[in-house]
N, C-alpha and C. Protein backbone atom coordinates (compact mmCIF):
# COMPACT_ATOMS: atom_id res chain seq x y z
N MET A 1 10.03 62.49 -166.20
CA MET A 1 8.83 63.20 -166.58
C MET A 1 7.68 62.72 -165.70
N ASP A 2 6.99 63.65 -165.08
CA ASP A 2 5.81 63.35 -164.28
C ASP A 2 4.56 63.67 -165.08
N ILE A 3 3.52 62.89 -164.86
CA ILE A 3 2.23 63.11 -165.51
C ILE A 3 1.20 63.34 -164.42
N GLY A 4 0.33 64.35 -164.62
CA GLY A 4 -0.68 64.67 -163.63
C GLY A 4 -2.08 64.53 -164.19
N TYR A 5 -3.03 64.33 -163.28
CA TYR A 5 -4.44 64.20 -163.65
C TYR A 5 -5.26 64.95 -162.62
N ALA A 6 -6.10 65.87 -163.08
CA ALA A 6 -6.98 66.62 -162.20
C ALA A 6 -8.41 66.40 -162.67
N ARG A 7 -9.33 66.18 -161.72
CA ARG A 7 -10.71 65.90 -162.09
C ARG A 7 -11.66 66.55 -161.10
N VAL A 8 -12.74 67.08 -161.65
CA VAL A 8 -13.85 67.55 -160.83
C VAL A 8 -15.12 66.90 -161.36
N SER A 9 -16.12 66.77 -160.49
CA SER A 9 -17.30 66.02 -160.86
C SER A 9 -18.34 66.83 -161.62
N THR A 10 -18.26 68.14 -161.56
CA THR A 10 -19.20 68.97 -162.31
C THR A 10 -18.46 70.13 -162.96
N ALA A 11 -19.04 70.66 -164.00
CA ALA A 11 -18.41 71.78 -164.71
C ALA A 11 -18.35 73.03 -163.84
N LYS A 12 -19.18 73.10 -162.80
CA LYS A 12 -19.21 74.28 -161.93
C LYS A 12 -18.06 74.29 -160.93
N ARG A 13 -17.40 73.17 -160.73
CA ARG A 13 -16.29 73.09 -159.79
C ARG A 13 -15.03 73.66 -160.42
N ASP A 14 -14.05 73.98 -159.57
CA ASP A 14 -12.81 74.62 -160.03
C ASP A 14 -11.62 73.68 -159.85
N LEU A 15 -10.79 73.61 -160.86
CA LEU A 15 -9.59 72.76 -160.84
C LEU A 15 -8.37 73.46 -160.26
N ALA A 16 -8.48 74.73 -159.92
CA ALA A 16 -7.31 75.54 -159.55
C ALA A 16 -6.46 74.92 -158.45
N ARG A 17 -7.05 74.44 -157.38
CA ARG A 17 -6.26 73.89 -156.27
C ARG A 17 -5.50 72.64 -156.69
N GLN A 18 -6.15 71.80 -157.49
CA GLN A 18 -5.48 70.59 -157.95
C GLN A 18 -4.33 70.93 -158.91
N LEU A 19 -4.59 71.89 -159.80
CA LEU A 19 -3.54 72.30 -160.74
C LEU A 19 -2.37 72.94 -160.02
N ASP A 20 -2.66 73.74 -158.99
CA ASP A 20 -1.59 74.34 -158.20
C ASP A 20 -0.75 73.27 -157.50
N ALA A 21 -1.42 72.24 -156.96
CA ALA A 21 -0.70 71.17 -156.28
C ALA A 21 0.17 70.38 -157.25
N LEU A 22 -0.34 70.13 -158.44
CA LEU A 22 0.46 69.42 -159.44
C LEU A 22 1.67 70.24 -159.87
N ALA A 23 1.47 71.54 -160.05
CA ALA A 23 2.59 72.42 -160.41
C ALA A 23 3.63 72.45 -159.30
N ALA A 24 3.17 72.50 -158.04
CA ALA A 24 4.09 72.50 -156.91
C ALA A 24 4.87 71.19 -156.82
N ALA A 25 4.27 70.11 -157.32
CA ALA A 25 4.95 68.81 -157.33
C ALA A 25 5.91 68.67 -158.51
N GLY A 26 5.94 69.69 -159.37
CA GLY A 26 6.88 69.69 -160.48
C GLY A 26 6.34 69.14 -161.79
N VAL A 27 5.02 68.99 -161.88
CA VAL A 27 4.43 68.47 -163.12
C VAL A 27 4.27 69.62 -164.11
N ASP A 28 4.81 69.46 -165.30
CA ASP A 28 4.74 70.46 -166.37
C ASP A 28 3.31 70.53 -166.91
N ASN A 29 2.83 71.73 -167.24
CA ASN A 29 1.47 71.91 -167.75
C ASN A 29 1.17 71.06 -168.98
N GLU A 30 2.18 70.76 -169.77
CA GLU A 30 1.98 69.94 -170.96
C GLU A 30 1.65 68.50 -170.61
N HIS A 31 1.91 68.11 -169.37
CA HIS A 31 1.71 66.73 -168.95
C HIS A 31 0.60 66.59 -167.91
N ILE A 32 -0.29 67.57 -167.83
CA ILE A 32 -1.43 67.51 -166.93
C ILE A 32 -2.69 67.30 -167.75
N PHE A 33 -3.43 66.27 -167.40
CA PHE A 33 -4.69 65.98 -168.06
C PHE A 33 -5.82 66.37 -167.12
N VAL A 34 -6.86 67.00 -167.67
CA VAL A 34 -7.98 67.44 -166.85
C VAL A 34 -9.28 66.81 -167.34
N ASP A 35 -10.21 66.66 -166.41
CA ASP A 35 -11.49 66.04 -166.70
C ASP A 35 -12.57 66.74 -165.89
N LYS A 36 -13.59 67.21 -166.55
CA LYS A 36 -14.74 67.83 -165.88
C LYS A 36 -15.98 67.08 -166.31
N LYS A 37 -16.33 66.06 -165.52
CA LYS A 37 -17.50 65.25 -165.85
C LYS A 37 -18.22 64.83 -164.59
N SER A 38 -19.44 64.44 -164.78
CA SER A 38 -20.23 63.93 -163.67
C SER A 38 -20.35 62.42 -163.79
N GLY A 39 -20.26 61.74 -162.67
CA GLY A 39 -20.45 60.30 -162.67
C GLY A 39 -21.90 59.93 -162.45
N ARG A 40 -22.75 60.90 -162.31
CA ARG A 40 -24.15 60.66 -162.03
C ARG A 40 -24.88 60.22 -163.29
N ARG A 41 -25.74 59.24 -163.14
CA ARG A 41 -26.55 58.79 -164.25
C ARG A 41 -27.89 59.52 -164.23
N LEU A 42 -28.37 59.88 -165.40
CA LEU A 42 -29.66 60.56 -165.48
C LEU A 42 -30.82 59.58 -165.45
N ALA A 43 -30.60 58.38 -165.91
CA ALA A 43 -31.65 57.37 -165.91
C ALA A 43 -31.06 56.03 -165.50
N ALA A 44 -31.86 55.23 -164.82
CA ALA A 44 -31.40 53.90 -164.41
C ALA A 44 -31.28 53.00 -165.64
N PRO A 45 -30.29 52.11 -165.63
CA PRO A 45 -30.10 51.23 -166.80
C PRO A 45 -31.22 50.21 -166.94
């Protein structure tokens, strides 16, 4: 069983290319985790 992870840094970006690559590598959709988040901080700590 293979597990995949696809991530984009903003909600406006598209995961399609990463998901296609994971599918081509044989990763089942049930085992792909996705993340749409920004690493940018709005305020300095």
